[in-house]
């Protein structure tokens, strides 16, 4: 009897272990650059059954995923998703910021100590050197050195920040030659499969193609008119209307910027991801690997055309097909029950402010040049010197050296400038280092500013605009076309987040989830220590079966 009880106990124990959440063979992270939450529903009727809808219907759909800091830009977004913390910790406070040491503006992934691999252009001189904390991909590699991490994007920052410091390969698009490249931070030469992929010359071939709508244009009822006055023209002679004959637009030149605003660039990235899946043998052993993709084209096009354009609708209709194609390849190569995938966005976008104004909605523009000229004059009159070094990203950088020489207390200048900016009609709130160093700013906006602030990269004064407003340099008809992002408001901060795959159940989750919770959740899916600066919390609904 005891023998049988022992056998039953062993069998039950075996079943228990077999039913525990074993790590997936592959984790796939998809970031769509500039995707509003509502796109999942607005374009729903035109989506296929095997792309976005498959994820929504069969996965865990977090319907209130939010960014909990500002600014909502591409660099900070990708860094926050993969580090599980905010810019005050990981240091990527914007796409570009003013470097006090050099007196120059630097890009978040600039690195003069490396050289490009696969290119002689300056676009190859990039690395995660400015990322101050570890990513979930770094933690995976630290714990399991045999794990593979591959990341890719059209944008350099969209590839580099997700891949982290220990990536086996991070690849981005070189606009000078229309190919994927990397830098010596990662490799001394491109892998053979990347070289072979580049030799296909897909972007160059696309420059002779025409981008037209996938469906009959008259059926695009979810968007405004194709002849919208709120969209940026492509060239002086080509308006923002279908069709887009790239051969005519390029006028015989190999201008790859025109390639990247078309859906052809999304197809190109998917092709590259599938090639990496097979050539890097991702998910083919018992050690979990990670594949990180960032689709940049929705952002490139979104800035030009705005969120209510036919162009953007067509891009998402076609991106849905790319997601379906990638899911199909993952099923075939890795297996339906062997991978976990999450899809989110690095930020969303504000409707074109001029469109809001014309439709009697709150919105407008802060004209930076005239405002800063007036502000500089007032600072000089009050303190006897020009104390503003730089103004960018709604940050004001002060000349600490001059203030020290003149024995002027920084906090007095900060308060003076803050009071002046606070009087601008376009500004909602202004914060100074006094607020940044406080643990409680007393408002959601103040807390978001504090979490997005880092003393080494940010300015001494940061202001946020009223809802629906953008900053423009000069007030011209051209500057009032197209749109951007970066604010604390829901049109920028509310993004999609869907989980799908192994042990992920079908559910809708309506409670608020912060973007930094993604890596905190992956920590438990992968059975890892938390990355060093992670402050997010695991999404328990994803982890509980």
Protein backbone atom coordinates (compact mmCIF):
# COMPACT_ATOMS: atom_id res chain seq x y z
CA UNK A 1 0.00 0.00 0.00
CA UNK A 2 2.81 2.39 0.93
CA UNK A 3 4.48 1.56 -2.39
CA UNK A 4 1.37 2.60 -4.34
CA UNK A 5 0.98 5.76 -2.26
CA UNK A 6 4.59 6.63 -3.01
CA UNK A 7 4.00 6.08 -6.73
CA UNK A 8 0.89 8.27 -6.63
CA UNK A 9 2.80 10.95 -4.74
CA UNK A 10 5.64 10.93 -7.30
CA UNK A 11 3.16 11.04 -10.19
CA UNK A 12 1.30 13.96 -8.63
CA UNK A 13 4.57 15.77 -8.01
CA UNK A 14 5.61 15.18 -11.62
CA UNK A 15 2.29 16.50 -12.85
CA UNK A 16 2.64 19.53 -10.58
CA UNK A 17 6.03 20.39 -12.01
CA UNK A 18 4.83 19.78 -15.56
CA UNK A 19 1.95 22.15 -14.99
CA UNK A 20 4.06 24.96 -13.57
CA UNK A 21 4.75 27.88 -15.82
CA UNK A 22 7.84 26.76 -17.65
CA UNK A 23 9.71 29.54 -19.38
CA UNK A 24 8.81 30.09 -23.03
CA UNK A 25 11.45 29.35 -25.62
CA UNK A 26 11.12 32.84 -27.06
CA UNK A 27 9.81 36.21 -25.93
CA UNK A 28 8.87 38.62 -28.72
CA UNK A 29 8.50 42.32 -27.92
CA UNK A 30 6.75 44.47 -30.52
CA UNK A 31 6.71 48.24 -30.11
CA UNK A 32 4.67 50.25 -32.59
CA UNK A 33 6.08 53.76 -32.75
CA UNK A 34 3.22 56.27 -32.24
CA UNK A 35 0.16 54.07 -31.81
CA UNK A 36 -2.99 55.40 -30.18
CA UNK A 37 -5.03 52.91 -28.18
CA UNK A 38 -8.11 53.69 -30.25
CA UNK A 39 -6.55 52.48 -33.52
CA UNK A 40 -7.27 48.90 -32.42
CA UNK A 41 -10.96 49.71 -32.53
CA UNK A 42 -11.24 52.45 -35.14
CA UNK A 43 -9.67 50.28 -37.87
CA UNK A 44 -11.10 47.02 -36.52
CA UNK A 45 -13.46 46.35 -39.43
CA UNK A 46 -10.58 46.37 -41.91
CA UNK A 47 -8.21 44.17 -39.91
CA UNK A 48 -7.65 40.53 -40.82
CA UNK A 49 -8.54 37.76 -38.38
CA UNK A 50 -4.90 36.77 -37.82
CA UNK A 51 -3.20 40.03 -36.83
CA UNK A 52 -4.29 42.57 -34.25
CA UNK A 53 -7.69 40.89 -33.85
CA UNK A 54 -6.10 37.53 -33.06
CA UNK A 55 -4.06 39.13 -30.30
CA UNK A 56 -7.10 40.99 -28.95
CA UNK A 57 -9.44 37.99 -29.04
CA UNK A 58 -7.05 35.31 -27.79
CA UNK A 59 -4.66 37.27 -25.58
CA UNK A 60 -4.68 39.40 -22.46
CA UNK A 61 -5.69 42.90 -23.47
CA UNK A 62 -4.58 45.63 -21.03
CA UNK A 63 -6.98 48.38 -21.99
CA UNK A 64 -5.73 51.11 -19.68
CA UNK A 65 -1.96 51.03 -20.22
CA UNK A 66 -0.41 54.41 -19.53
CA UNK A 67 2.91 56.25 -19.47
CA UNK A 68 3.46 57.59 -15.98
CA UNK A 69 6.02 60.28 -16.87
CA UNK A 70 6.78 62.95 -19.43
CA UNK A 71 8.09 63.44 -22.03
CA UNK A 72 6.38 60.77 -24.13
CA UNK A 73 9.02 60.41 -26.83
CA UNK A 74 10.48 57.43 -28.69
CA UNK A 75 13.78 57.17 -26.79
CA UNK A 76 12.32 57.36 -23.27
CA UNK A 77 9.45 55.08 -24.30
CA UNK A 78 11.64 52.23 -25.50
CA UNK A 79 14.00 52.62 -22.55
CA UNK A 80 11.12 52.56 -20.05
CA UNK A 81 9.44 49.53 -21.61
CA UNK A 82 12.60 47.44 -21.40
CA UNK A 83 14.17 48.73 -18.17
CA UNK A 84 10.92 48.74 -16.23
CA UNK A 85 11.66 52.18 -14.82
CA UNK A 86 11.29 55.86 -15.66
CA UNK A 87 13.73 58.43 -17.13
CA UNK A 88 14.75 59.75 -13.71
CA UNK A 89 16.45 56.36 -13.29
CA UNK A 90 17.40 55.17 -16.77
CA UNK A 91 18.56 58.59 -17.96
CA UNK A 92 16.95 58.69 -21.40
CA UNK A 93 15.00 61.90 -20.82
CA UNK A 94 14.28 62.64 -24.49
CA UNK A 95 15.33 61.72 -28.01
CA UNK A 96 17.86 64.55 -27.83
CA UNK A 97 19.01 66.79 -25.01
CA UNK A 98 21.50 69.52 -24.27
CA UNK A 99 24.85 68.24 -23.00
CA UNK A 100 26.31 70.77 -20.56
CA UNK A 101 29.80 69.25 -20.84
CA UNK A 102 30.11 69.81 -24.59
CA UNK A 103 27.64 72.64 -25.05
CA UNK A 104 26.00 70.63 -27.83
CA UNK A 105 22.78 68.77 -28.40
CA UNK A 106 23.25 65.00 -28.39
CA UNK A 107 21.05 62.14 -29.46
CA UNK A 108 20.07 59.56 -26.86
CA UNK A 109 22.07 56.80 -28.61
CA UNK A 110 25.00 58.87 -29.94
CA UNK A 111 28.41 57.35 -29.19
CA UNK A 112 31.53 58.89 -30.70
CA UNK A 113 33.70 56.07 -29.34
CA UNK A 114 32.30 53.47 -31.74
CA UNK A 115 32.18 53.23 -35.52
CA UNK A 116 29.54 51.86 -37.81
CA UNK A 117 29.60 48.27 -39.00
CA UNK A 118 28.22 47.86 -42.49
CA UNK A 119 28.43 51.62 -43.10
CA UNK A 120 30.93 54.47 -43.22
CA UNK A 121 28.30 57.06 -42.32
CA UNK A 122 27.81 58.82 -39.01
CA UNK A 123 24.55 56.90 -38.59
CA UNK A 124 26.54 53.89 -37.42
CA UNK A 125 28.08 55.68 -34.42
CA UNK A 126 25.49 54.57 -31.92
CA UNK A 127 25.22 52.45 -28.76
CA UNK A 128 23.33 52.28 -25.44
CA UNK A 129 26.10 54.30 -23.73
CA UNK A 130 23.61 56.82 -22.33
CA UNK A 131 21.30 54.18 -20.86
CA UNK A 132 22.03 54.22 -17.13
CA UNK A 133 20.16 51.07 -16.07
CA UNK A 134 19.84 47.48 -17.22
CA UNK A 135 17.10 46.21 -19.48
CA UNK A 136 15.15 42.98 -19.14
CA UNK A 137 17.20 41.77 -22.11
CA UNK A 138 20.39 42.56 -20.17
CA UNK A 139 19.08 40.66 -17.17
CA UNK A 140 18.31 37.64 -19.33
CA UNK A 141 21.86 37.66 -20.72
CA UNK A 142 23.41 38.22 -17.28
CA UNK A 143 21.57 35.23 -15.87
CA UNK A 144 21.79 32.98 -18.91
CA UNK A 145 24.77 33.96 -21.10
CA UNK A 146 23.72 31.43 -23.76
CA UNK A 147 20.43 33.25 -24.30
CA UNK A 148 20.19 35.21 -27.54
CA UNK A 149 18.86 38.75 -27.78
CA UNK A 150 18.24 40.26 -31.21
CA UNK A 151 16.69 43.72 -31.70
CA UNK A 152 15.85 45.76 -34.78
CA UNK A 153 14.13 48.89 -36.00
CA UNK A 154 14.26 51.51 -38.72
CA UNK A 155 15.23 54.01 -36.00
CA UNK A 156 18.54 53.51 -34.21
CA UNK A 157 17.04 54.19 -30.77
CA UNK A 158 14.18 51.78 -31.48
CA UNK A 159 16.71 48.98 -31.96
CA UNK A 160 19.41 49.90 -29.45
CA UNK A 161 17.48 50.63 -26.26
CA UNK A 162 15.38 47.41 -26.29
CA UNK A 163 18.46 45.29 -27.02
CA UNK A 164 20.28 46.78 -24.05
CA UNK A 165 24.00 46.54 -23.38
CA UNK A 166 24.45 42.81 -23.95
CA UNK A 167 22.53 42.29 -27.19
CA UNK A 168 23.77 39.61 -29.58
CA UNK A 169 22.80 41.90 -32.42
CA UNK A 170 21.04 45.27 -32.63
CA UNK A 171 20.37 46.55 -36.14
CA UNK A 172 18.97 49.81 -37.50
CA UNK A 173 18.43 51.41 -40.90
CA UNK A 174 21.18 53.45 -42.52
CA UNK A 175 19.44 56.19 -44.50
CA UNK A 176 22.59 56.90 -46.51
CA UNK A 177 22.64 53.49 -48.20
CA UNK A 178 19.28 51.84 -47.46
CA UNK A 179 20.61 48.90 -45.43
CA UNK A 180 20.59 47.50 -41.91
CA UNK A 181 23.74 48.30 -39.94
CA UNK A 182 25.14 48.03 -36.43
CA UNK A 183 28.20 49.39 -34.60
CA UNK A 184 31.42 48.11 -33.07
CA UNK A 185 29.75 48.25 -29.67
CA UNK A 186 28.15 44.95 -30.73
CA UNK A 187 30.18 43.40 -33.56
CA UNK A 188 33.23 43.85 -35.73
CA UNK A 189 31.38 42.79 -38.86
CA UNK A 190 27.83 42.08 -39.94
CA UNK A 191 26.76 38.43 -39.76
CA UNK A 192 26.62 36.70 -43.11
CA UNK A 193 22.83 36.47 -43.02
CA UNK A 194 22.51 40.25 -42.49
CA UNK A 195 24.88 40.89 -45.39
CA UNK A 196 22.85 38.54 -47.57
CA UNK A 197 19.62 40.27 -46.54
CA UNK A 198 21.08 43.68 -47.36
CA UNK A 199 22.14 42.44 -50.79
CA UNK A 200 18.47 41.92 -51.69
CA UNK A 201 18.20 45.72 -51.93
CA UNK A 202 14.56 45.75 -50.92
CA UNK A 203 14.45 49.49 -50.02
CA UNK A 204 16.12 50.48 -53.29
CA UNK A 205 13.66 48.38 -55.26
CA UNK A 206 10.77 49.99 -53.41
CA UNK A 207 11.84 53.44 -54.59
CA UNK A 208 10.46 52.49 -58.00
CA UNK A 209 7.08 51.42 -56.58
CA UNK A 210 3.81 53.23 -55.98
CA UNK A 211 2.03 53.26 -52.65
CA UNK A 212 -1.72 53.20 -53.10
CA UNK A 213 -4.47 52.29 -50.67
CA UNK A 214 -4.96 48.59 -49.93
CA UNK A 215 -8.73 48.90 -50.34
CA UNK A 216 -10.71 51.24 -52.55
CA UNK A 217 -10.05 54.70 -51.11
CA UNK A 218 -13.77 55.53 -50.95
CA UNK A 219 -14.17 52.85 -48.24
CA UNK A 220 -11.79 54.61 -45.83
CA UNK A 221 -14.65 56.09 -43.82
CA UNK A 222 -12.69 55.95 -40.54
CA UNK A 223 -10.51 58.84 -41.72
CA UNK A 224 -10.91 62.35 -43.00
CA UNK A 225 -10.52 63.56 -46.56
CA UNK A 226 -7.42 62.53 -48.48
CA UNK A 227 -7.05 66.15 -49.56
CA UNK A 228 -6.58 67.50 -46.05
CA UNK A 229 -5.08 70.93 -45.41
CA UNK A 230 -3.64 69.62 -42.11
CA UNK A 231 -1.08 67.28 -43.66
CA UNK A 232 2.51 68.08 -44.62
CA UNK A 233 3.18 68.01 -48.39
CA UNK A 234 5.72 65.43 -49.49
CA UNK A 235 7.67 67.80 -51.72
CA UNK A 236 7.09 71.25 -53.19
CA UNK A 237 5.25 69.67 -56.09
CA UNK A 238 3.70 66.61 -54.44
CA UNK A 239 0.79 67.07 -52.05
CA UNK A 240 -0.10 64.57 -49.33
CA UNK A 241 -2.58 62.62 -51.46
CA UNK A 242 -2.71 59.11 -52.92
CA UNK A 243 -1.14 57.60 -54.94
CA UNK A 244 2.51 58.05 -53.93
CA UNK A 245 4.71 57.29 -56.92
CA UNK A 246 8.10 57.01 -55.23
CA UNK A 247 9.99 57.03 -58.52
CA UNK A 248 8.56 60.43 -59.37
CA UNK A 249 8.92 61.74 -55.81
CA UNK A 250 12.59 60.71 -55.65
CA UNK A 251 13.28 62.24 -59.06
CA UNK A 252 16.01 59.72 -59.86
CA UNK A 253 17.72 59.97 -56.46
CA UNK A 254 18.06 57.25 -53.84
CA UNK A 255 16.34 59.14 -51.05
CA UNK A 256 15.47 56.53 -48.45
CA UNK A 257 13.54 58.95 -46.27
CA UNK A 258 10.68 58.52 -48.73
CA UNK A 259 10.91 54.76 -48.32
CA UNK A 260 10.54 54.94 -44.54
CA UNK A 261 7.20 56.78 -44.49
CA UNK A 262 5.55 54.06 -46.58
CA UNK A 263 4.20 50.68 -45.42
CA UNK A 264 6.97 49.07 -47.48
CA UNK A 265 9.29 49.82 -44.54
CA UNK A 266 7.08 47.80 -42.17
CA UNK A 267 7.24 44.86 -44.57
CA UNK A 268 11.01 45.28 -44.73
CA UNK A 269 11.30 45.09 -40.93
CA UNK A 270 9.06 42.03 -40.75
CA UNK A 271 11.18 40.33 -43.42
CA UNK A 272 14.29 41.06 -41.37
CA UNK A 273 12.69 39.76 -38.18
CA UNK A 274 11.75 36.50 -39.88
CA UNK A 275 15.27 36.15 -41.27
CA UNK A 276 16.68 36.61 -37.78
CA UNK A 277 14.26 34.04 -36.41
CA UNK A 278 15.63 31.39 -38.75
CA UNK A 279 19.29 32.39 -39.03
CA UNK A 280 19.86 33.06 -35.34
CA UNK A 281 17.88 29.89 -34.45
CA UNK A 282 15.78 31.81 -31.95
CA UNK A 283 13.66 29.67 -29.65
CA UNK A 284 15.22 26.43 -30.84
CA UNK A 285 16.63 25.11 -27.55
CA UNK A 286 15.66 25.05 -23.90
CA UNK A 287 17.11 28.48 -23.19
CA UNK A 288 14.72 31.41 -23.67
CA UNK A 289 15.72 33.97 -26.31
CA UNK A 290 14.30 37.44 -26.99
CA UNK A 291 13.41 39.12 -30.27
CA UNK A 292 12.63 42.85 -30.10
CA UNK A 293 11.03 44.72 -33.01
CA UNK A 294 10.08 48.37 -33.25
CA UNK A 295 7.96 49.50 -36.20
CA UNK A 296 9.00 53.11 -36.87
CA UNK A 297 6.94 53.94 -39.94
CA UNK A 298 3.67 54.72 -38.11
CA UNK A 299 5.52 57.52 -36.30
CA UNK A 300 7.33 58.82 -39.37
CA UNK A 301 4.06 58.95 -41.29
CA UNK A 302 2.03 60.02 -38.26
CA UNK A 303 4.05 63.22 -37.83
CA UNK A 304 3.43 64.12 -41.46
CA UNK A 305 -0.20 63.17 -41.91
CA UNK A 306 -1.78 63.14 -38.45
CA UNK A 307 -4.00 60.53 -36.74
CA UNK A 308 -7.11 61.10 -38.89
CA UNK A 309 -5.44 60.67 -42.27
CA UNK A 310 -6.17 58.06 -44.92
CA UNK A 311 -2.42 57.43 -45.05
CA UNK A 312 -2.25 56.36 -41.43
CA UNK A 313 -5.31 54.15 -41.75
CA UNK A 314 -3.74 52.37 -44.71
CA UNK A 315 -0.47 51.92 -42.83
CA UNK A 316 -2.29 50.21 -39.97
CA UNK A 317 -4.35 48.03 -42.32
CA UNK A 318 -1.10 46.82 -43.85
CA UNK A 319 0.74 46.60 -40.51
CA UNK A 320 -2.00 44.25 -39.35
CA UNK A 321 -1.02 41.92 -42.20
CA UNK A 322 2.63 42.11 -41.13
CA UNK A 323 1.69 41.15 -37.56
CA UNK A 324 -0.31 38.21 -38.96
CA UNK A 325 2.64 37.12 -41.09
CA UNK A 326 5.02 37.28 -38.13
CA UNK A 327 2.61 35.29 -35.92
CA UNK A 328 2.36 32.63 -38.62
CA UNK A 329 6.15 32.29 -38.82
CA UNK A 330 6.43 32.10 -35.03
CA UNK A 331 3.85 29.32 -34.98
CA UNK A 332 5.77 27.38 -37.62
CA UNK A 333 9.30 27.91 -36.36
CA UNK A 334 8.93 28.12 -32.57
CA UNK A 335 5.54 26.53 -31.98
CA UNK A 336 2.22 27.97 -30.83
CA UNK A 337 2.80 27.05 -27.20
CA UNK A 338 6.46 27.98 -27.02
CA UNK A 339 6.53 31.77 -27.23
CA UNK A 340 5.16 34.80 -25.40
CA UNK A 341 4.55 38.02 -27.29
CA UNK A 342 3.67 41.49 -26.09
CA UNK A 343 2.67 44.42 -28.28
CA UNK A 344 2.64 48.02 -27.13
CA UNK A 345 3.63 51.54 -28.23
CA UNK A 346 6.29 54.01 -27.16
CA UNK A 347 3.75 56.87 -27.16
CA UNK A 348 0.62 57.97 -28.98
CA UNK A 349 -0.05 61.40 -30.58
CA UNK A 350 -2.08 64.60 -30.40
CA UNK A 351 -4.50 65.46 -33.22
CA UNK A 352 -3.17 68.24 -35.44
CA UNK A 353 -3.68 71.32 -33.20
CA UNK A 354 -4.83 73.48 -36.11
CA UNK A 355 -7.54 70.90 -36.79
CA UNK A 356 -8.62 71.22 -33.15
CA UNK A 357 -8.68 75.02 -33.40
CA UNK A 358 -10.71 74.97 -36.60
CA UNK A 359 -13.21 72.61 -35.00
CA UNK A 360 -13.61 74.77 -31.88
CA UNK A 361 -11.76 72.34 -29.62
CA UNK A 362 -9.05 73.24 -27.08
CA UNK A 363 -5.65 73.42 -28.71
CA UNK A 364 -3.14 75.63 -30.42
CA UNK A 365 0.55 76.48 -30.61
CA UNK A 366 3.25 78.06 -28.49
CA UNK A 367 5.55 80.01 -30.84
CA UNK A 368 8.94 79.38 -29.28
CA UNK A 369 11.21 81.93 -30.98
CA UNK A 370 9.19 84.99 -30.02
CA UNK A 371 8.55 83.71 -26.50
CA UNK A 372 12.20 82.93 -25.83
CA UNK A 373 13.37 86.25 -27.25
CA UNK A 374 11.06 88.05 -24.84
CA UNK A 375 12.09 85.81 -21.93
CA UNK A 376 15.81 86.33 -22.57
CA UNK A 377 15.33 90.10 -22.56
CA UNK A 378 13.53 89.96 -19.21
CA UNK A 379 16.22 87.74 -17.66
CA UNK A 380 18.95 90.15 -18.83
CA UNK A 381 17.03 93.13 -17.47
CA UNK A 382 16.52 91.44 -14.11
CA UNK A 383 19.94 89.83 -13.55
CA UNK A 384 22.24 91.77 -15.88
CA UNK A 385 23.35 88.76 -17.93
CA UNK A 386 22.13 86.20 -20.44
CA UNK A 387 21.63 83.18 -18.17
CA UNK A 388 19.73 80.82 -20.51
CA UNK A 389 22.01 78.36 -22.30
CA UNK A 390 19.40 76.36 -24.18
CA UNK A 391 15.68 75.81 -24.57
CA UNK A 392 14.45 72.48 -25.95
CA UNK A 393 11.81 69.85 -25.20
CA UNK A 394 10.10 72.42 -22.93
CA UNK A 395 13.28 72.40 -20.80
CA UNK A 396 15.19 75.58 -19.90
CA UNK A 397 18.93 75.03 -19.27
CA UNK A 398 20.67 77.70 -17.18
CA UNK A 399 24.27 78.96 -17.27
CA UNK A 400 25.43 77.78 -13.85
CA UNK A 401 29.00 78.94 -14.46
CA UNK A 402 28.00 82.54 -15.16
CA UNK A 403 25.63 82.58 -12.20
CA UNK A 404 28.45 81.39 -9.96
CA UNK A 405 30.81 84.10 -11.20
CA UNK A 406 28.14 86.77 -10.68
CA UNK A 407 27.15 85.26 -7.32
CA UNK A 408 23.53 84.78 -8.41
CA UNK A 409 21.58 82.05 -6.65
CA UNK A 410 20.17 79.54 -9.15
CA UNK A 411 16.86 79.19 -7.35
CA UNK A 412 16.20 82.94 -7.76
CA UNK A 413 16.67 82.70 -11.53
CA UNK A 414 14.57 79.54 -11.68
CA UNK A 415 11.71 81.16 -9.80
CA UNK A 416 11.85 84.30 -11.94
CA UNK A 417 11.78 82.33 -15.20
CA UNK A 418 9.07 80.00 -13.89
CA UNK A 419 6.87 82.98 -12.98
CA UNK A 420 7.34 84.46 -16.44
CA UNK A 421 6.54 81.20 -18.24
CA UNK A 422 3.56 80.62 -15.98
CA UNK A 423 2.01 83.78 -17.38
CA UNK A 424 2.01 82.37 -20.93
CA UNK A 425 -1.52 81.43 -21.98
CA UNK A 426 -0.31 78.25 -23.68
CA UNK A 427 1.32 76.85 -20.53
CA UNK A 428 -0.46 74.70 -17.97
CA UNK A 429 2.26 74.31 -15.33
CA UNK A 430 5.94 75.07 -14.66
CA UNK A 431 8.36 73.20 -12.41
CA UNK A 432 11.87 73.89 -11.14
CA UNK A 433 14.57 71.89 -9.39
CA UNK A 434 12.81 72.59 -6.10
CA UNK A 435 9.93 70.46 -7.36
CA UNK A 436 12.10 67.81 -8.99
CA UNK A 437 13.91 67.11 -5.74
CA UNK A 438 10.67 66.82 -3.80
CA UNK A 439 9.06 63.42 -3.28
CA UNK A 440 5.57 64.81 -3.61
CA UNK A 441 4.66 67.51 -6.07
CA UNK A 442 1.01 67.50 -5.13
CA UNK A 443 -0.37 66.80 -8.63
CA UNK A 444 -0.33 64.09 -11.26
CA UNK A 445 1.43 66.45 -13.68
CA UNK A 446 4.14 67.29 -11.18
CA UNK A 447 4.75 63.63 -10.44
CA UNK A 448 5.00 62.80 -14.16
CA UNK A 449 7.51 65.61 -14.64
CA UNK A 450 9.58 64.40 -11.67
CA UNK A 451 9.69 60.83 -13.00
CA UNK A 452 10.86 62.11 -16.39
CA UNK A 453 13.58 64.34 -14.95
CA UNK A 454 17.27 63.52 -14.56
CA UNK A 455 19.57 66.21 -13.16
CA UNK A 456 22.41 65.51 -15.61
CA UNK A 457 20.34 65.64 -18.79
CA UNK A 458 17.29 67.77 -17.98
CA UNK A 459 16.97 71.53 -17.64
CA UNK A 460 16.49 73.46 -14.41
CA UNK A 461 12.99 74.52 -15.49
CA UNK A 462 10.45 72.30 -17.25
CA UNK A 463 7.00 73.41 -18.36
CA UNK A 464 4.02 71.58 -19.82
CA UNK A 465 1.58 73.05 -22.31
CA UNK A 466 -2.18 73.10 -22.08
CA UNK A 467 -4.00 70.09 -23.62
CA UNK A 468 -4.02 70.11 -27.42
CA UNK A 469 -1.02 72.45 -27.74
CA UNK A 470 2.31 71.96 -29.49
CA UNK A 471 5.47 74.06 -29.65
CA UNK A 472 6.49 75.45 -33.03
CA UNK A 473 9.59 77.49 -33.81
CA UNK A 474 7.95 80.09 -36.03
CA UNK A 475 4.29 80.71 -36.83
CA UNK A 476 3.85 79.75 -40.48
CA UNK A 477 1.22 77.83 -42.45
CA UNK A 478 3.72 74.99 -42.87
CA UNK A 479 4.42 74.72 -39.13
CA UNK A 480 0.68 74.25 -38.47
CA UNK A 481 0.59 71.08 -40.58
CA UNK A 482 1.37 67.64 -39.22
CA UNK A 483 1.59 66.85 -35.54
CA UNK A 484 3.75 65.50 -32.71
CA UNK A 485 3.69 64.13 -29.16
CA UNK A 486 5.49 64.34 -25.83
CA UNK A 487 2.85 65.54 -23.38
CA UNK A 488 1.41 64.13 -20.16
CA UNK A 489 -2.11 63.93 -21.59
CA UNK A 490 -4.06 60.84 -22.56
CA UNK A 491 -3.75 61.40 -26.30
CA UNK A 492 0.01 60.83 -25.83
CA UNK A 493 0.14 58.55 -22.77
CA UNK A 494 -2.65 55.98 -23.38
CA UNK A 495 -1.27 53.16 -25.55
CA UNK A 496 -2.14 49.57 -26.49
CA UNK A 497 -0.73 46.66 -24.50
CA UNK A 498 -1.59 43.09 -25.46
CA UNK A 499 -0.02 39.83 -24.26
CA UNK A 500 -0.31 36.62 -26.26
CA UNK A 501 1.11 33.09 -26.26
CA UNK A 502 2.27 30.49 -23.78
CA UNK A 503 0.23 30.52 -20.54
CA UNK A 504 -1.40 33.83 -21.51
CA UNK A 505 -5.15 33.60 -21.01
CA UNK A 506 -7.90 35.39 -22.88
CA UNK A 507 -9.03 38.40 -20.85
CA UNK A 508 -9.59 42.14 -20.81
CA UNK A 509 -7.83 44.05 -18.01
CA UNK A 510 -9.33 47.48 -17.37
CA UNK A 511 -7.36 48.68 -14.34
CA UNK A 512 -4.53 51.13 -14.89
CA UNK A 513 -1.21 49.55 -15.82
CA UNK A 514 1.96 51.59 -16.17
CA UNK A 515 4.27 50.98 -19.10
CA UNK A 516 7.10 50.15 -16.68
CA UNK A 517 5.09 47.12 -15.51
CA UNK A 518 5.96 45.24 -18.72
CA UNK A 519 9.51 44.34 -17.71
CA UNK A 520 8.41 43.71 -14.13
CA UNK A 521 6.01 41.10 -15.55
CA UNK A 522 8.62 39.59 -17.87
CA UNK A 523 10.85 39.16 -14.83
CA UNK A 524 8.48 36.49 -13.53
CA UNK A 525 7.69 34.94 -16.91
CA UNK A 526 11.44 34.40 -17.33
CA UNK A 527 12.13 33.60 -13.65
CA UNK A 528 14.77 36.32 -13.40
CA UNK A 529 16.03 38.78 -10.85
CA UNK A 530 14.52 42.20 -11.50
CA UNK A 531 16.70 44.46 -13.68
CA UNK A 532 18.71 46.73 -11.38
CA UNK A 533 16.53 49.87 -11.46
CA UNK A 534 13.10 48.39 -12.20
CA UNK A 535 10.34 50.18 -10.31
CA UNK A 536 7.33 48.71 -12.11
CA UNK A 537 5.02 46.12 -10.60
CA UNK A 538 4.15 42.75 -12.19
CA UNK A 539 0.77 42.47 -13.88
CA UNK A 540 -0.69 39.71 -11.74
CA UNK A 541 -3.52 38.97 -14.15
CA UNK A 542 -0.90 37.93 -16.73
CA UNK A 543 0.91 35.66 -14.28
CA UNK A 544 -2.09 34.01 -12.60
CA UNK A 545 -3.57 31.09 -14.53
